[in-house]
């Protein structure tokens, strides 16, 4: 089935979440994350991540106000 999906789309789909990957090895690495018992939940929204690094990137990109200059408040 995965080969059929790749022939038609060019990508391999994760059977658990539908996320697409260019190679089977990428999908298998991702699929392993679904098997992990540990999840990391964002304290500011309802999103859950399988790695602490993914949560960190999310929080920086979505919830961080970034650098504020002490001289001009920008």
PDB file of N, CA and C in Angstrom:
ATOM      1  N   UNK A   1       0.824  -1.202   0.000  1.00  0.00           N
ATOM      2  CA  UNK A   1       0.000   0.000   0.000  1.00  0.00           C
ATOM      3  C   UNK A   1       0.863   1.260   0.000  1.00  0.00           C
ATOM      4  N   UNK A   2       1.926   1.266   0.844  1.00  0.00           N
ATOM      5  CA  UNK A   2       2.791   2.446   0.900  1.00  0.00           C
ATOM      6  C   UNK A   2       3.433   2.723  -0.458  1.00  0.00           C
ATOM      7  N   UNK A   3       3.829   1.643  -1.181  1.00  0.00           N
ATOM      8  CA  UNK A   3       4.408   1.847  -2.504  1.00  0.00           C
ATOM      9  C   UNK A   3       3.380   2.445  -3.446  1.00  0.00           C
ATOM     10  N   UNK A   4       2.137   2.013  -3.367  1.00  0.00           N
ATOM     11  CA  UNK A   4       1.079   2.550  -4.204  1.00  0.00           C
ATOM     12  C   UNK A   4       0.856   4.034  -3.917  1.00  0.00           C
ATOM     13  N   UNK A   5       0.842   4.399  -2.633  1.00  0.00           N
ATOM     14  CA  UNK A   5       0.669   5.805  -2.263  1.00  0.00           C
ATOM     15  C   UNK A   5       1.820   6.629  -2.806  1.00  0.00           C
ATOM     16  N   UNK A   6       3.040   6.115  -2.705  1.00  0.00           N
ATOM     17  CA  UNK A   6       4.192   6.862  -3.178  1.00  0.00           C
ATOM     18  C   UNK A   6       4.165   7.021  -4.694  1.00  0.00           C
ATOM     19  N   UNK A   7       3.738   6.014  -5.413  1.00  0.00           N
ATOM     20  CA  UNK A   7       3.655   6.106  -6.872  1.00  0.00           C
ATOM     21  C   UNK A   7       2.697   7.226  -7.273  1.00  0.00           C
ATOM     22  N   UNK A   8       1.588   7.352  -6.561  1.00  0.00           N
ATOM     23  CA  UNK A   8       0.579   8.335  -6.917  1.00  0.00           C
ATOM     24  C   UNK A   8       0.862   9.728  -6.376  1.00  0.00           C
ATOM     25  N   UNK A   9       1.584   9.849  -5.289  1.00  0.00           N
ATOM     26  CA  UNK A   9       1.797  11.162  -4.677  1.00  0.00           C
ATOM     27  C   UNK A   9       3.249  11.584  -4.632  1.00  0.00           C
ATOM     28  N   UNK A  10       4.174  10.622  -4.706  1.00  0.00           N
ATOM     29  CA  UNK A  10       5.586  10.931  -4.565  1.00  0.00           C
ATOM     30  C   UNK A  10       6.030  10.965  -3.114  1.00  0.00           C
ATOM     31  N   UNK A  11       5.129  10.699  -2.191  1.00  0.00           N
ATOM     32  CA  UNK A  11       5.450  10.754  -0.772  1.00  0.00           C
ATOM     33  C   UNK A  11       4.931   9.511  -0.058  1.00  0.00           C
ATOM     34  N   UNK A  12       5.555   9.216   1.081  1.00  0.00           N
ATOM     35  CA  UNK A  12       5.129   8.129   1.951  1.00  0.00           C
ATOM     36  C   UNK A  12       4.328   8.755   3.084  1.00  0.00           C
ATOM     37  N   UNK A  13       3.149   8.240   3.363  1.00  0.00           N
ATOM     38  CA  UNK A  13       2.289   8.792   4.407  1.00  0.00           C
ATOM     39  C   UNK A  13       2.391   7.985   5.688  1.00  0.00           C
ATOM     40  N   UNK A  14       2.422   8.692   6.811  1.00  0.00           N
ATOM     41  CA  UNK A  14       2.384   8.028   8.110  1.00  0.00           C
ATOM     42  C   UNK A  14       0.985   7.449   8.301  1.00  0.00           C
ATOM     43  N   UNK A  15       0.883   6.161   8.596  1.00  0.00           N
ATOM     44  CA  UNK A  15      -0.444   5.561   8.763  1.00  0.00           C
ATOM     45  C   UNK A  15      -1.173   6.039  10.013  1.00  0.00           C
ATOM     46  N   UNK A  16      -0.450   6.636  10.966  1.00  0.00           N
ATOM     47  CA  UNK A  16      -1.092   7.074  12.202  1.00  0.00           C
ATOM     48  C   UNK A  16      -1.599   8.510  12.153  1.00  0.00           C
ATOM     49  N   UNK A  17      -0.893   9.389  11.420  1.00  0.00           N
ATOM     50  CA  UNK A  17      -1.318  10.799  11.425  1.00  0.00           C
ATOM     51  C   UNK A  17      -1.461  11.399  10.031  1.00  0.00           C
ATOM     52  N   UNK A  18      -1.010  10.692   9.002  1.00  0.00           N
ATOM     53  CA  UNK A  18      -1.162  11.189   7.644  1.00  0.00           C
ATOM     54  C   UNK A  18      -0.075  12.150   7.189  1.00  0.00           C
ATOM     55  N   UNK A  19       0.896  12.452   8.043  1.00  0.00           N
ATOM     56  CA  UNK A  19       1.995  13.333   7.658  1.00  0.00           C
ATOM     57  C   UNK A  19       2.775  12.670   6.532  1.00  0.00           C
ATOM     58  N   UNK A  20       3.229  13.444   5.542  1.00  0.00           N
ATOM     59  CA  UNK A  20       3.905  12.859   4.391  1.00  0.00           C
ATOM     60  C   UNK A  20       5.417  13.062   4.461  1.00  0.00           C
ATOM     61  N   UNK A  21       6.151  12.094   3.901  1.00  0.00           N
ATOM     62  CA  UNK A  21       7.609  12.096   3.933  1.00  0.00           C
ATOM     63  C   UNK A  21       8.149  11.696   2.574  1.00  0.00           C
ATOM     64  N   UNK A  22       9.303  12.245   2.199  1.00  0.00           N
ATOM     65  CA  UNK A  22       9.856  11.918   0.880  1.00  0.00           C
ATOM     66  C   UNK A  22      10.458  10.524   0.792  1.00  0.00           C
ATOM     67  N   UNK A  23      10.861   9.946   1.927  1.00  0.00           N
ATOM     68  CA  UNK A  23      11.450   8.606   1.896  1.00  0.00           C
ATOM     69  C   UNK A  23      10.822   7.725   2.970  1.00  0.00           C
ATOM     70  N   UNK A  24      10.925   6.431   2.745  1.00  0.00           N
ATOM     71  CA  UNK A  24      10.403   5.469   3.710  1.00  0.00           C
ATOM     72  C   UNK A  24      11.162   5.572   5.035  1.00  0.00           C
ATOM     73  N   UNK A  25      12.471   5.776   4.987  1.00  0.00           N
ATOM     74  CA  UNK A  25      13.241   5.860   6.225  1.00  0.00           C
ATOM     75  C   UNK A  25      12.825   7.078   7.046  1.00  0.00           C
ATOM     76  N   UNK A  26      12.499   8.196   6.384  1.00  0.00           N
ATOM     77  CA  UNK A  26      12.008   9.371   7.108  1.00  0.00           C
ATOM     78  C   UNK A  26      10.682   9.064   7.793  1.00  0.00           C
ATOM     79  N   UNK A  27       9.801   8.372   7.088  1.00  0.00           N
ATOM     80  CA  UNK A  27       8.502   8.031   7.668  1.00  0.00           C
ATOM     81  C   UNK A  27       8.671   7.061   8.832  1.00  0.00           C
ATOM     82  N   UNK A  28       9.568   6.092   8.708  1.00  0.00           N
ATOM     83  CA  UNK A  28       9.777   5.131   9.784  1.00  0.00           C
ATOM     84  C   UNK A  28      10.357   5.804  11.018  1.00  0.00           C
ATOM     85  N   UNK A  29      11.259   6.754  10.832  1.00  0.00           N
ATOM     86  CA  UNK A  29      11.794   7.508  11.968  1.00  0.00           C
ATOM     87  C   UNK A  29      10.669   8.277  12.649  1.00  0.00           C
ATOM     88  N   UNK A  30       9.818   8.925  11.867  1.00  0.00           N
ATOM     89  CA  UNK A  30       8.674   9.662  12.402  1.00  0.00           C
ATOM     90  C   UNK A  30       7.701   8.724  13.105  1.00  0.00           C
ATOM     91  N   UNK A  31       7.401   7.612  12.485  1.00  0.00           N
ATOM     92  CA  UNK A  31       6.433   6.663  13.042  1.00  0.00           C
ATOM     93  C   UNK A  31       6.895   6.152  14.409  1.00  0.00           C
ATOM     94  N   UNK A  32       8.199   6.018  14.578  1.00  0.00           N
ATOM     95  CA  UNK A  32       8.747   5.594  15.873  1.00  0.00           C
ATOM     96  C   UNK A  32       8.381   6.600  16.963  1.00  0.00           C
ATOM     97  N   UNK A  33       8.266   7.857  16.619  1.00  0.00           N
ATOM     98  CA  UNK A  33       7.906   8.877  17.608  1.00  0.00           C
ATOM     99  C   UNK A  33       6.499   8.661  18.160  1.00  0.00           C
ATOM    100  N   UNK A  34       5.607   8.073  17.352  1.00  0.00           N
ATOM    101  CA  UNK A  34       4.257   7.775  17.830  1.00  0.00           C
ATOM    102  C   UNK A  34       4.284   6.704  18.924  1.00  0.00           C
ATOM    103  N   UNK A  35       5.303   5.858  18.903  1.00  0.00           N
ATOM    104  CA  UNK A  35       5.404   4.771  19.874  1.00  0.00           C
ATOM    105  C   UNK A  35       5.961   5.220  21.220  1.00  0.00           C
ATOM    106  N   UNK A  36       6.583   6.362  21.252  1.00  0.00           N
ATOM    107  CA  UNK A  36       7.153   6.867  22.504  1.00  0.00           C
ATOM    108  C   UNK A  36       6.032   7.191  23.491  1.00  0.00           C
ATOM    109  N   UNK A  37       6.242   6.891  24.744  1.00  0.00           N
ATOM    110  CA  UNK A  37       5.248   7.175  25.773  1.00  0.00           C
ATOM    111  C   UNK A  37       5.299   8.628  26.224  1.00  0.00           C
ATOM    112  N   UNK A  38       6.454   9.255  26.086  1.00  0.00           N
ATOM    113  CA  UNK A  38       6.634  10.613  26.572  1.00  0.00           C
ATOM    114  C   UNK A  38       6.154  11.622  25.546  1.00  0.00           C
ATOM    115  N   UNK A  39       5.335  12.549  25.988  1.00  0.00           N
ATOM    116  CA  UNK A  39       4.920  13.666  25.146  1.00  0.00           C
ATOM    117  C   UNK A  39       5.163  14.953  25.915  1.00  0.00           C
ATOM    118  N   UNK A  40       5.265  16.031  25.178  1.00  0.00           N
ATOM    119  CA  UNK A  40       5.525  17.335  25.764  1.00  0.00           C
ATOM    120  C   UNK A  40       4.413  18.283  25.336  1.00  0.00           C
ATOM    121  N   UNK A  41       3.653  18.783  26.296  1.00  0.00           N
ATOM    122  CA  UNK A  41       2.513  19.640  26.013  1.00  0.00           C
ATOM    123  C   UNK A  41       2.893  21.105  26.202  1.00  0.00           C
ATOM    124  N   UNK A  42       2.470  21.932  25.265  1.00  0.00           N
ATOM    125  CA  UNK A  42       2.712  23.364  25.363  1.00  0.00           C
ATOM    126  C   UNK A  42       1.859  23.927  26.489  1.00  0.00           C
ATOM    127  N   UNK A  43       2.467  24.707  27.363  1.00  0.00           N
ATOM    128  CA  UNK A  43       1.741  25.272  28.500  1.00  0.00           C
ATOM    129  C   UNK A  43       0.875  26.465  28.104  1.00  0.00           C
ATOM    130  N   UNK A  44       1.014  26.942  26.860  1.00  0.00           N
ATOM    131  CA  UNK A  44       0.268  28.116  26.428  1.00  0.00           C
ATOM    132  C   UNK A  44      -0.830  27.800  25.423  1.00  0.00           C
ATOM    133  N   UNK A  45      -0.841  26.595  24.898  1.00  0.00           N
ATOM    134  CA  UNK A  45      -1.914  26.179  23.981  1.00  0.00           C
ATOM    135  C   UNK A  45      -2.076  24.667  24.111  1.00  0.00           C
ATOM    136  N   UNK A  46      -2.923  24.064  23.327  1.00  0.00           N
ATOM    137  CA  UNK A  46      -3.244  22.643  23.477  1.00  0.00           C
ATOM    138  C   UNK A  46      -2.366  21.709  22.651  1.00  0.00           C
ATOM    139  N   UNK A  47      -1.336  22.215  22.007  1.00  0.00           N
ATOM    140  CA  UNK A  47      -0.525  21.365  21.144  1.00  0.00           C
ATOM    141  C   UNK A  47       0.394  20.458  21.960  1.00  0.00           C
ATOM    142  N   UNK A  48       0.591  19.240  21.444  1.00  0.00           N
ATOM    143  CA  UNK A  48       1.433  18.245  22.091  1.00  0.00           C
ATOM    144  C   UNK A  48       2.506  17.819  21.096  1.00  0.00           C
ATOM    145  N   UNK A  49       3.728  17.677  21.588  1.00  0.00           N
ATOM    146  CA  UNK A  49       4.862  17.296  20.749  1.00  0.00           C
ATOM    147  C   UNK A  49       5.506  16.033  21.293  1.00  0.00           C
ATOM    148  N   UNK A  50       6.144  15.286  20.388  1.00  0.00           N
ATOM    149  CA  UNK A  50       6.783  14.039  20.767  1.00  0.00           C
ATOM    150  C   UNK A  50       8.237  14.233  21.184  1.00  0.00           C
ATOM    151  N   UNK A  51       8.807  15.404  20.873  1.00  0.00           N
ATOM    152  CA  UNK A  51      10.174  15.684  21.302  1.00  0.00           C
ATOM    153  C   UNK A  51      10.205  17.039  21.990  1.00  0.00           C
ATOM    154  N   UNK A  52      11.112  17.167  22.933  1.00  0.00           N
ATOM    155  CA  UNK A  52      11.272  18.424  23.651  1.00  0.00           C
ATOM    156  C   UNK A  52      11.761  19.514  22.711  1.00  0.00           C
ATOM    157  N   UNK A  53      12.602  19.152  21.757  1.00  0.00           N
ATOM    158  CA  UNK A  53      13.092  20.122  20.787  1.00  0.00           C
ATOM    159  C   UNK A  53      11.954  20.687  19.943  1.00  0.00           C
ATOM    160  N   UNK A  54      11.028  19.853  19.528  1.00  0.00           N
ATOM    161  CA  UNK A  54       9.881  20.332  18.744  1.00  0.00           C
ATOM    162  C   UNK A  54       9.028  21.302  19.555  1.00  0.00           C
ATOM    163  N   UNK A  55       8.831  21.016  20.826  1.00  0.00           N
ATOM    164  CA  UNK A  55       8.085  21.924  21.700  1.00  0.00           C
ATOM    165  C   UNK A  55       8.822  23.255  21.821  1.00  0.00           C
ATOM    166  N   UNK A  56      10.128  23.202  22.007  1.00  0.00           N
ATOM    167  CA  UNK A  56      10.932  24.409  22.136  1.00  0.00           C
ATOM    168  C   UNK A  56      10.826  25.276  20.881  1.00  0.00           C
ATOM    169  N   UNK A  57      10.946  24.671  19.714  1.00  0.00           N
ATOM    170  CA  UNK A  57      10.838  25.405  18.452  1.00  0.00           C
ATOM    171  C   UNK A  57       9.448  26.027  18.325  1.00  0.00           C
ATOM    172  N   UNK A  58       8.418  25.287  18.695  1.00  0.00           N
ATOM    173  CA  UNK A  58       7.045  25.802  18.667  1.00  0.00           C
ATOM    174  C   UNK A  58       6.912  27.023  19.573  1.00  0.00           C
ATOM    175  N   UNK A  59       7.407  26.908  20.805  1.00  0.00           N
ATOM    176  CA  UNK A  59       7.252  27.998  21.765  1.00  0.00           C
ATOM    177  C   UNK A  59       8.007  29.249  21.316  1.00  0.00           C
ATOM    178  N   UNK A  60       9.184  29.074  20.763  1.00  0.00           N
ATOM    179  CA  UNK A  60       9.948  30.221  20.264  1.00  0.00           C
ATOM    180  C   UNK A  60       9.202  30.878  19.098  1.00  0.00           C
ATOM    181  N   UNK A  61       8.706  30.057  18.176  1.00  0.00           N
ATOM    182  CA  UNK A  61       8.066  30.591  16.973  1.00  0.00           C
ATOM    183  C   UNK A  61       6.667  31.147  17.188  1.00  0.00           C
ATOM    184  N   UNK A  62       5.917  30.566  18.108  1.00  0.00           N
ATOM    185  CA  UNK A  62       4.516  30.957  18.255  1.00  0.00           C
ATOM    186  C   UNK A  62       4.228  31.816  19.480  1.00  0.00           C
ATOM    187  N   UNK A  63       4.982  31.629  20.540  1.00  0.00           N
ATOM    188  CA  UNK A  63       4.628  32.300  21.789  1.00  0.00           C
ATOM    189  C   UNK A  63       5.680  33.288  22.284  1.00  0.00           C
ATOM    190  N   UNK A  64       6.825  33.345  21.638  1.00  0.00           N
ATOM    191  CA  UNK A  64       7.880  34.245  22.085  1.00  0.00           C
ATOM    192  C   UNK A  64       7.679  35.624  21.467  1.00  0.00           C
ATOM    193  N   UNK A  65       7.852  36.631  22.269  1.00  0.00           N
ATOM    194  CA  UNK A  65       7.739  37.997  21.756  1.00  0.00           C
ATOM    195  C   UNK A  65       9.037  38.442  21.114  1.00  0.00           C
ATOM    196  N   UNK A  66      10.060  37.624  21.225  1.00  0.00           N
ATOM    197  CA  UNK A  66      11.340  37.930  20.608  1.00  0.00           C
ATOM    198  C   UNK A  66      12.143  38.917  21.427  1.00  0.00           C
ATOM    199  N   UNK A  67      13.162  39.426  20.808  1.00  0.00           N
ATOM    200  CA  UNK A  67      14.066  40.356  21.466  1.00  0.00           C
ATOM    201  C   UNK A  67      13.454  41.753  21.491  1.00  0.00           C
ATOM    202  N   UNK A  68      13.487  42.393  22.640  1.00  0.00           N
ATOM    203  CA  UNK A  68      13.005  43.771  22.757  1.00  0.00           C
ATOM    204  C   UNK A  68      14.194  44.651  23.158  1.00  0.00           C
ATOM    205  N   UNK A  69      14.466  45.651  22.361  1.00  0.00           N
ATOM    206  CA  UNK A  69      15.572  46.572  22.612  1.00  0.00           C
ATOM    207  C   UNK A  69      15.280  47.389  23.855  1.00  0.00           C
ATOM    208  N   UNK A  70      16.223  47.436  24.773  1.00  0.00           N
ATOM    209  CA  UNK A  70      16.037  48.192  26.007  1.00  0.00           C
ATOM    210  C   UNK A  70      16.054  49.700  25.779  1.00  0.00           C
ATOM    211  N   UNK A  71      16.632  50.128  24.638  1.00  0.00           N
ATOM    212  CA  UNK A  71      16.744  51.565  24.365  1.00  0.00           C
ATOM    213  C   UNK A  71      15.502  52.136  23.695  1.00  0.00           C
ATOM    214  N   UNK A  72      14.882  51.354  22.828  1.00  0.00           N
ATOM    215  CA  UNK A  72      13.736  51.901  22.086  1.00  0.00           C
ATOM    216  C   UNK A  72      12.479  51.072  22.225  1.00  0.00           C
ATOM    217  N   UNK A  73      12.502  49.968  22.972  1.00  0.00           N
ATOM    218  CA  UNK A  73      11.349  49.086  23.181  1.00  0.00           C
ATOM    219  C   UNK A  73      10.803  48.465  21.916  1.00  0.00           C
ATOM    220  N   UNK A  74      11.609  48.312  20.905  1.00  0.00           N
ATOM    221  CA  UNK A  74      11.177  47.638  19.677  1.00  0.00           C
ATOM    222  C   UNK A  74      11.762  46.253  19.612  1.00  0.00           C
TER     223      UNK A  74
END
